[in-house]
Amino acid sequence: VAGVAYGKRLVLKDTGDGVLLEGVSAEEYEE
């Protein structure tokens, strides 16, 4: 699933082991 929020593009992938936020840094995830 992909889209835009807070002016940023976010791509989320269901890996079967969890949800991967593609290309997202640890800092961006926390912020």
PDB file of all heavy atoms in Angstrom:
ATOM      1  N   VAL A   1       0.876  -1.171   0.000  1.00  0.00           N
ATOM      2  CA  VAL A   1       0.000   0.000   0.000  1.00  0.00           C
ATOM      3  C   VAL A   1       0.914   1.221   0.000  1.00  0.00           C
ATOM      4  O   VAL A   1       1.951   1.224   0.676  1.00  0.00           O
ATOM      5  CB  VAL A   1      -0.914   0.017   1.241  1.00  0.00           C
ATOM      6  CG1 VAL A   1      -1.647   1.344   1.366  1.00  0.00           C
ATOM      7  CG2 VAL A   1      -1.911  -1.127   1.189  1.00  0.00           C
ATOM      8  N   ALA A   2       0.562   2.242  -0.776  1.00  0.00           N
ATOM      9  CA  ALA A   2       1.409   3.433  -0.848  1.00  0.00           C
ATOM     10  C   ALA A   2       0.553   4.684  -0.915  1.00  0.00           C
ATOM     11  O   ALA A   2      -0.574   4.660  -1.420  1.00  0.00           O
ATOM     12  CB  ALA A   2       2.334   3.365  -2.061  1.00  0.00           C
ATOM     13  N   GLY A   3       1.111   5.779  -0.409  1.00  0.00           N
ATOM     14  CA  GLY A   3       0.402   7.049  -0.456  1.00  0.00           C
ATOM     15  C   GLY A   3       1.225   8.156   0.160  1.00  0.00           C
ATOM     16  O   GLY A   3       2.432   8.003   0.386  1.00  0.00           O
ATOM     17  N   VAL A   4       0.556   9.267   0.432  1.00  0.00           N
ATOM     18  CA  VAL A   4       1.235  10.465   0.930  1.00  0.00           C
ATOM     19  C   VAL A   4       0.557  10.940   2.208  1.00  0.00           C
ATOM     20  O   VAL A   4      -0.669  11.034   2.292  1.00  0.00           O
ATOM     21  CB  VAL A   4       1.200  11.598  -0.120  1.00  0.00           C
ATOM     22  CG1 VAL A   4       1.915  12.837   0.408  1.00  0.00           C
ATOM     23  CG2 VAL A   4       1.831  11.138  -1.430  1.00  0.00           C
ATOM     24  N   ALA A   5       1.371  11.237   3.205  1.00  0.00           N
ATOM     25  CA  ALA A   5       0.904  11.852   4.450  1.00  0.00           C
ATOM     26  C   ALA A   5       2.020  12.724   4.982  1.00  0.00           C
ATOM     27  O   ALA A   5       3.201  12.411   4.804  1.00  0.00           O
ATOM     28  CB  ALA A   5       0.531  10.789   5.477  1.00  0.00           C
ATOM     29  N   TYR A   6       1.669  13.827   5.592  1.00  0.00           N
ATOM     30  CA  TYR A   6       2.654  14.769   6.119  1.00  0.00           C
ATOM     31  C   TYR A   6       3.681  15.179   5.051  1.00  0.00           C
ATOM     32  O   TYR A   6       4.847  15.406   5.339  1.00  0.00           O
ATOM     33  CB  TYR A   6       3.357  14.182   7.353  1.00  0.00           C
ATOM     34  CG  TYR A   6       2.453  14.104   8.551  1.00  0.00           C
ATOM     35  CD1 TYR A   6       1.661  12.987   8.780  1.00  0.00           C
ATOM     36  CD2 TYR A   6       2.335  15.177   9.443  1.00  0.00           C
ATOM     37  CE1 TYR A   6       0.792  12.920   9.864  1.00  0.00           C
ATOM     38  CE2 TYR A   6       1.479  15.119  10.529  1.00  0.00           C
ATOM     39  CZ  TYR A   6       0.712  13.992  10.730  1.00  0.00           C
ATOM     40  OH  TYR A   6      -0.157  13.940  11.798  1.00  0.00           O
ATOM     41  N   GLY A   7       3.194  15.252   3.815  1.00  0.00           N
ATOM     42  CA  GLY A   7       4.057  15.683   2.707  1.00  0.00           C
ATOM     43  C   GLY A   7       5.099  14.669   2.296  1.00  0.00           C
ATOM     44  O   GLY A   7       6.004  14.993   1.521  1.00  0.00           O
ATOM     45  N   LYS A   8       4.992  13.437   2.784  1.00  0.00           N
ATOM     46  CA  LYS A   8       5.973  12.399   2.482  1.00  0.00           C
ATOM     47  C   LYS A   8       5.278  11.196   1.847  1.00  0.00           C
ATOM     48  O   LYS A   8       4.166  10.845   2.223  1.00  0.00           O
ATOM     49  CB  LYS A   8       6.696  11.932   3.749  1.00  0.00           C
ATOM     50  CG  LYS A   8       7.475  13.027   4.483  1.00  0.00           C
ATOM     51  CD  LYS A   8       8.015  12.489   5.804  1.00  0.00           C
ATOM     52  CE  LYS A   8       8.793  13.541   6.577  1.00  0.00           C
ATOM     53  NZ  LYS A   8      10.102  13.821   5.952  1.00  0.00           N
ATOM     54  N   ARG A   9       5.964  10.561   0.920  1.00  0.00           N
ATOM     55  CA  ARG A   9       5.438   9.322   0.343  1.00  0.00           C
ATOM     56  C   ARG A   9       5.832   8.164   1.251  1.00  0.00           C
ATOM     57  O   ARG A   9       6.979   8.058   1.690  1.00  0.00           O
ATOM     58  CB  ARG A   9       5.987   9.091  -1.063  1.00  0.00           C
ATOM     59  CG  ARG A   9       5.502   7.777  -1.696  1.00  0.00           C
ATOM     60  CD  ARG A   9       5.862   7.706  -3.174  1.00  0.00           C
ATOM     61  NE  ARG A   9       5.658   6.389  -3.735  1.00  0.00           N
ATOM     62  CZ  ARG A   9       4.488   5.901  -4.137  1.00  0.00           C
ATOM     63  NH1 ARG A   9       3.400   6.656  -3.999  1.00  0.00           N
ATOM     64  NH2 ARG A   9       4.376   4.693  -4.648  1.00  0.00           N
ATOM     65  N   LEU A  10       4.857   7.297   1.515  1.00  0.00           N
ATOM     66  CA  LEU A  10       5.094   6.130   2.357  1.00  0.00           C
ATOM     67  C   LEU A  10       4.644   4.880   1.615  1.00  0.00           C
ATOM     68  O   LEU A  10       3.533   4.828   1.082  1.00  0.00           O
ATOM     69  CB  LEU A  10       4.306   6.252   3.670  1.00  0.00           C
ATOM     70  CG  LEU A  10       4.403   5.051   4.631  1.00  0.00           C
ATOM     71  CD1 LEU A  10       5.833   4.887   5.138  1.00  0.00           C
ATOM     72  CD2 LEU A  10       3.434   5.222   5.802  1.00  0.00           C
ATOM     73  N   VAL A  11       5.519   3.890   1.566  1.00  0.00           N
ATOM     74  CA  VAL A  11       5.203   2.589   0.984  1.00  0.00           C
ATOM     75  C   VAL A  11       5.272   1.554   2.103  1.00  0.00           C
ATOM     76  O   VAL A  11       6.285   1.438   2.796  1.00  0.00           O
ATOM     77  CB  VAL A  11       6.184   2.209  -0.140  1.00  0.00           C
ATOM     78  CG1 VAL A  11       5.851   0.826  -0.700  1.00  0.00           C
ATOM     79  CG2 VAL A  11       6.156   3.251  -1.262  1.00  0.00           C
ATOM     80  N   LEU A  12       4.174   0.821   2.291  1.00  0.00           N
ATOM     81  CA  LEU A  12       4.093  -0.204   3.331  1.00  0.00           C
ATOM     82  C   LEU A  12       3.933  -1.561   2.661  1.00  0.00           C
ATOM     83  O   LEU A  12       3.100  -1.723   1.756  1.00  0.00           O
ATOM     84  CB  LEU A  12       2.912   0.041   4.262  1.00  0.00           C
ATOM     85  CG  LEU A  12       2.800   1.430   4.910  1.00  0.00           C
ATOM     86  CD1 LEU A  12       1.812   2.291   4.132  1.00  0.00           C
ATOM     87  CD2 LEU A  12       2.353   1.312   6.369  1.00  0.00           C
ATOM     88  N   LYS A  13       4.703  -2.541   3.101  1.00  0.00           N
ATOM     89  CA  LYS A  13       4.646  -3.870   2.524  1.00  0.00           C
ATOM     90  C   LYS A  13       4.408  -4.908   3.611  1.00  0.00           C
ATOM     91  O   LYS A  13       5.094  -4.917   4.636  1.00  0.00           O
ATOM     92  CB  LYS A  13       5.957  -4.194   1.797  1.00  0.00           C
ATOM     93  CG  LYS A  13       5.971  -5.541   1.082  1.00  0.00           C
ATOM     94  CD  LYS A  13       7.286  -5.756   0.356  1.00  0.00           C
ATOM     95  CE  LYS A  13       7.321  -7.095  -0.354  1.00  0.00           C
ATOM     96  NZ  LYS A  13       6.378  -7.168  -1.479  1.00  0.00           N
ATOM     97  N   ASP A  14       3.414  -5.769   3.381  1.00  0.00           N
ATOM     98  CA  ASP A  14       3.152  -6.881   4.288  1.00  0.00           C
ATOM     99  C   ASP A  14       4.119  -8.002   3.944  1.00  0.00           C
ATOM    100  O   ASP A  14       4.046  -8.595   2.866  1.00  0.00           O
ATOM    101  CB  ASP A  14       1.699  -7.341   4.118  1.00  0.00           C
ATOM    102  CG  ASP A  14       1.311  -8.451   5.080  1.00  0.00           C
ATOM    103  OD1 ASP A  14       2.197  -8.965   5.793  1.00  0.00           O
ATOM    104  OD2 ASP A  14       0.125  -8.812   5.103  1.00  0.00           O
ATOM    105  N   THR A  15       5.044  -8.290   4.854  1.00  0.00           N
ATOM    106  CA  THR A  15       6.076  -9.294   4.587  1.00  0.00           C
ATOM    107  C   THR A  15       5.713 -10.674   5.111  1.00  0.00           C
ATOM    108  O   THR A  15       6.427 -11.645   4.861  1.00  0.00           O
ATOM    109  CB  THR A  15       7.407  -8.880   5.238  1.00  0.00           C
ATOM    110  OG1 THR A  15       7.270  -8.949   6.663  1.00  0.00           O
ATOM    111  CG2 THR A  15       7.810  -7.479   4.819  1.00  0.00           C
ATOM    112  N   GLY A  16       4.606 -10.764   5.856  1.00  0.00           N
ATOM    113  CA  GLY A  16       4.274 -12.016   6.506  1.00  0.00           C
ATOM    114  C   GLY A  16       4.880 -12.113   7.893  1.00  0.00           C
ATOM    115  O   GLY A  16       4.417 -12.880   8.744  1.00  0.00           O
ATOM    116  N   ASP A  17       5.921 -11.332   8.123  1.00  0.00           N
ATOM    117  CA  ASP A  17       6.584 -11.290   9.426  1.00  0.00           C
ATOM    118  C   ASP A  17       6.344  -9.942  10.106  1.00  0.00           C
ATOM    119  O   ASP A  17       6.893  -9.661  11.154  1.00  0.00           O
ATOM    120  CB  ASP A  17       8.093 -11.526   9.232  1.00  0.00           C
ATOM    121  CG  ASP A  17       8.830 -11.707  10.552  1.00  0.00           C
ATOM    122  OD1 ASP A  17       8.220 -12.256  11.493  1.00  0.00           O
ATOM    123  OD2 ASP A  17      10.000 -11.297  10.643  1.00  0.00           O
ATOM    124  N   GLY A  18       5.552  -9.112   9.453  1.00  0.00           N
ATOM    125  CA  GLY A  18       5.304  -7.763   9.944  1.00  0.00           C
ATOM    126  C   GLY A  18       5.094  -6.820   8.780  1.00  0.00           C
ATOM    127  O   GLY A  18       4.942  -7.242   7.626  1.00  0.00           O
ATOM    128  N   VAL A  19       5.097  -5.547   9.065  1.00  0.00           N
ATOM    129  CA  VAL A  19       4.904  -4.515   8.040  1.00  0.00           C
ATOM    130  C   VAL A  19       6.211  -3.769   7.838  1.00  0.00           C
ATOM    131  O   VAL A  19       6.775  -3.218   8.791  1.00  0.00           O
ATOM    132  CB  VAL A  19       3.788  -3.536   8.445  1.00  0.00           C
ATOM    133  CG1 VAL A  19       3.685  -2.396   7.440  1.00  0.00           C
ATOM    134  CG2 VAL A  19       2.454  -4.261   8.570  1.00  0.00           C
ATOM    135  N   LEU A  20       6.675  -3.753   6.594  1.00  0.00           N
ATOM    136  CA  LEU A  20       7.898  -3.040   6.253  1.00  0.00           C
ATOM    137  C   LEU A  20       7.555  -1.651   5.748  1.00  0.00           C
ATOM    138  O   LEU A  20       6.749  -1.501   4.818  1.00  0.00           O
ATOM    139  CB  LEU A  20       8.682  -3.793   5.175  1.00  0.00           C
ATOM    140  CG  LEU A  20       9.963  -3.115   4.683  1.00  0.00           C
ATOM    141  CD1 LEU A  20      11.037  -3.106   5.776  1.00  0.00           C
ATOM    142  CD2 LEU A  20      10.488  -3.789   3.416  1.00  0.00           C
ATOM    143  N   LEU A  21       8.136  -0.613   6.353  1.00  0.00           N
ATOM    144  CA  LEU A  21       8.022   0.757   5.851  1.00  0.00           C
ATOM    145  C   LEU A  21       9.238   0.990   4.984  1.00  0.00           C
ATOM    146  O   LEU A  21      10.343   1.227   5.472  1.00  0.00           O
ATOM    147  CB  LEU A  21       7.967   1.754   7.023  1.00  0.00           C
ATOM    148  CG  LEU A  21       6.967   1.453   8.147  1.00  0.00           C
ATOM    149  CD1 LEU A  21       6.955   2.587   9.160  1.00  0.00           C
ATOM    150  CD2 LEU A  21       5.578   1.197   7.598  1.00  0.00           C
ATOM    151  N   GLU A  22       9.050   0.891   3.679  1.00  0.00           N
ATOM    152  CA  GLU A  22      10.177   0.867   2.754  1.00  0.00           C
ATOM    153  C   GLU A  22      10.930   2.195   2.720  1.00  0.00           C
ATOM    154  O   GLU A  22      10.322   3.263   2.578  1.00  0.00           O
ATOM    155  CB  GLU A  22       9.704   0.494   1.347  1.00  0.00           C
ATOM    156  CG  GLU A  22       9.197  -0.939   1.249  1.00  0.00           C
ATOM    157  CD  GLU A  22       8.968  -1.387  -0.181  1.00  0.00           C
ATOM    158  OE1 GLU A  22       9.030  -0.537  -1.101  1.00  0.00           O
ATOM    159  OE2 GLU A  22       8.729  -2.591  -0.391  1.00  0.00           O
ATOM    160  N   GLY A  23      12.247   2.105   2.843  1.00  0.00           N
ATOM    161  CA  GLY A  23      13.112   3.276   2.720  1.00  0.00           C
ATOM    162  C   GLY A  23      13.040   4.245   3.885  1.00  0.00           C
ATOM    163  O   GLY A  23      13.622   5.331   3.823  1.00  0.00           O
ATOM    164  N   VAL A  24      12.333   3.887   4.946  1.00  0.00           N
ATOM    165  CA  VAL A  24      12.169   4.778   6.090  1.00  0.00           C
ATOM    166  C   VAL A  24      13.315   4.566   7.078  1.00  0.00           C
ATOM    167  O   VAL A  24      13.661   3.433   7.409  1.00  0.00           O
ATOM    168  CB  VAL A  24      10.805   4.518   6.783  1.00  0.00           C
ATOM    169  CG1 VAL A  24      10.713   5.241   8.120  1.00  0.00           C
ATOM    170  CG2 VAL A  24       9.665   4.939   5.864  1.00  0.00           C
ATOM    171  N   SER A  25      13.900   5.665   7.549  1.00  0.00           N
ATOM    172  CA  SER A  25      14.961   5.576   8.551  1.00  0.00           C
ATOM    173  C   SER A  25      14.348   5.405   9.933  1.00  0.00           C
ATOM    174  O   SER A  25      13.161   5.685  10.150  1.00  0.00           O
ATOM    175  CB  SER A  25      15.826   6.838   8.531  1.00  0.00           C
ATOM    176  OG  SER A  25      15.081   7.957   8.992  1.00  0.00           O
ATOM    177  N   ALA A  26      15.175   4.969  10.872  1.00  0.00           N
ATOM    178  CA  ALA A  26      14.701   4.825  12.244  1.00  0.00           C
ATOM    179  C   ALA A  26      14.247   6.164  12.798  1.00  0.00           C
ATOM    180  O   ALA A  26      13.249   6.241  13.530  1.00  0.00           O
ATOM    181  CB  ALA A  26      15.808   4.227  13.115  1.00  0.00           C
ATOM    182  N   GLU A  27      14.962   7.232  12.446  1.00  0.00           N
ATOM    183  CA  GLU A  27      14.614   8.570  12.931  1.00  0.00           C
ATOM    184  C   GLU A  27      13.270   9.025  12.370  1.00  0.00           C
ATOM    185  O   GLU A  27      12.424   9.566  13.096  1.00  0.00           O
ATOM    186  CB  GLU A  27      15.707   9.572  12.549  1.00  0.00           C
ATOM    187  CG  GLU A  27      17.045   9.359  13.232  1.00  0.00           C
ATOM    188  CD  GLU A  27      17.834   8.188  12.661  1.00  0.00           C
ATOM    189  OE1 GLU A  27      17.521   7.744  11.522  1.00  0.00           O
ATOM    190  OE2 GLU A  27      18.751   7.694  13.352  1.00  0.00           O
ATOM    191  N   GLU A  28      13.060   8.796  11.064  1.00  0.00           N
ATOM    192  CA  GLU A  28      11.801   9.205  10.441  1.00  0.00           C
ATOM    193  C   GLU A  28      10.632   8.413  11.019  1.00  0.00           C
ATOM    194  O   GLU A  28       9.538   8.946  11.233  1.00  0.00           O
ATOM    195  CB  GLU A  28      11.865   9.004   8.926  1.00  0.00           C
ATOM    196  CG  GLU A  28      10.628   9.506   8.193  1.00  0.00           C
ATOM    197  CD  GLU A  28      10.695   9.269   6.698  1.00  0.00           C
ATOM    198  OE1 GLU A  28      11.794   9.008   6.168  1.00  0.00           O
ATOM    199  OE2 GLU A  28       9.630   9.335   6.061  1.00  0.00           O
ATOM    200  N   TYR A  29      10.851   7.144  11.282  1.00  0.00           N
ATOM    201  CA  TYR A  29       9.791   6.330  11.890  1.00  0.00           C
ATOM    202  C   TYR A  29       9.395   6.916  13.241  1.00  0.00           C
ATOM    203  O   TYR A  29       8.208   7.089  13.526  1.00  0.00           O
ATOM    204  CB  TYR A  29      10.255   4.888  12.058  1.00  0.00           C
ATOM    205  CG  TYR A  29       9.292   4.068  12.901  1.00  0.00           C
ATOM    206  CD1 TYR A  29       8.030   3.735  12.416  1.00  0.00           C
ATOM    207  CD2 TYR A  29       9.636   3.678  14.195  1.00  0.00           C
ATOM    208  CE1 TYR A  29       7.130   3.019  13.202  1.00  0.00           C
ATOM    209  CE2 TYR A  29       8.745   2.956  14.982  1.00  0.00           C
ATOM    210  CZ  TYR A  29       7.494   2.632  14.492  1.00  0.00           C
ATOM    211  OH  TYR A  29       6.606   1.941  15.273  1.00  0.00           O
ATOM    212  N   GLU A  30      10.388   7.219  14.076  1.00  0.00           N
ATOM    213  CA  GLU A  30      10.106   7.740  15.405  1.00  0.00           C
ATOM    214  C   GLU A  30       9.453   9.114  15.347  1.00  0.00           C
ATOM    215  O   GLU A  30       8.559   9.416  16.137  1.00  0.00           O
ATOM    216  CB  GLU A  30      11.388   7.814  16.238  1.00  0.00           C
ATOM    217  CG  GLU A  30      11.952   6.460  16.646  1.00  0.00           C
ATOM    218  CD  GLU A  30      11.064   5.724  17.633  1.00  0.00           C
ATOM    219  OE1 GLU A  30      10.318   6.391  18.386  1.00  0.00           O
ATOM    220  OE2 GLU A  30      11.107   4.485  17.654  1.00  0.00           O
ATOM    221  N   GLU A  31       9.878   9.949  14.385  1.00  0.00           N
ATOM    222  CA  GLU A  31       9.396  11.328  14.316  1.00  0.00           C
ATOM    223  C   GLU A  31       8.030  11.461  13.652  1.00  0.00           C
ATOM    224  O   GLU A  31       7.258  12.359  13.989  1.00  0.00           O
ATOM    225  CB  GLU A  31      10.408  12.197  13.571  1.00  0.00           C
ATOM    226  CG  GLU A  31      11.725  12.396  14.323  1.00  0.00           C
ATOM    227  CD  GLU A  31      12.760  13.136  13.494  1.00  0.00           C
ATOM    228  OE1 GLU A  31      12.426  13.540  12.347  1.00  0.00           O
ATOM    229  OE2 GLU A  31      13.892  13.315  13.971  1.00  0.00           O
TER     230      GLU A  31
END
